[in-house]
């Protein structure tokens, strides 16, 4: 099964022109032609953290629906993050993960079903300091222990400028890909937005959506990755099943 995954830090829908235009943000998201989109900074920063991307606008302007991630009616996400699923896909499970940090951070783990083989998407927005990013990645790995049978992808804003370091907690089980320069959007230099593929997921193609609209809609450009998902192999039949 082939599917397109994407990630986009929407910066609370605040563009480089100083205007907060959720409709413009959704135009960029629609242009990704993705099946699943991990979003960061969908809510305002301070309590009660009202959503910057209105759910009713998502419903009318896209073929996506956000997963049930928020813990209050004012918000859309968990620590500012949510996952959009294209119509026909469903979230069979949504898990909110608290992460170690100097400031509140979290990850959102979503098990996706309805399009073939099920898989898990973990949306992240990691901290600004590498020490904390490593601790956060280690916490995510620990949360996945015992759930390795389901193909898992970790994607989002990793906030990592290095192309060779900082991903050590993932390297035993994930292949980390940086599709291209995505930050700052007006003149991209850093590969901050990444995708980490676990067992059962194979990268077919990946890139950055770099358009005039995307360059002004946020301070990040969105990334995308086309992946092939292997269905979980059925267990070998025992003697009774084999008729022995």
Foldseek 3Di string as FASTA:
>chain_A
DKFKEKEEAQQLQQWPVRDRDLVLVVVQVVVSVGQKYKYAQQFDDDPVGAGSRDQVCCVVPHQWHWDPADPDPRYRHDNRIIMIGGPQKDFPDKDWAWADDPDTFIKIWTWIDRPPAIAIEIEGAFDQDLVRLLRRLLSVVVVCVVVQLGKYKYWYQSNDQDPPDSCVSCVVFWDKDQQDFWAQLLDGDGSRTIMITGPQKAWDHKHWPRDPSQSTRHRTTMIMTIIGGDHRDDDDDDCVVVVD
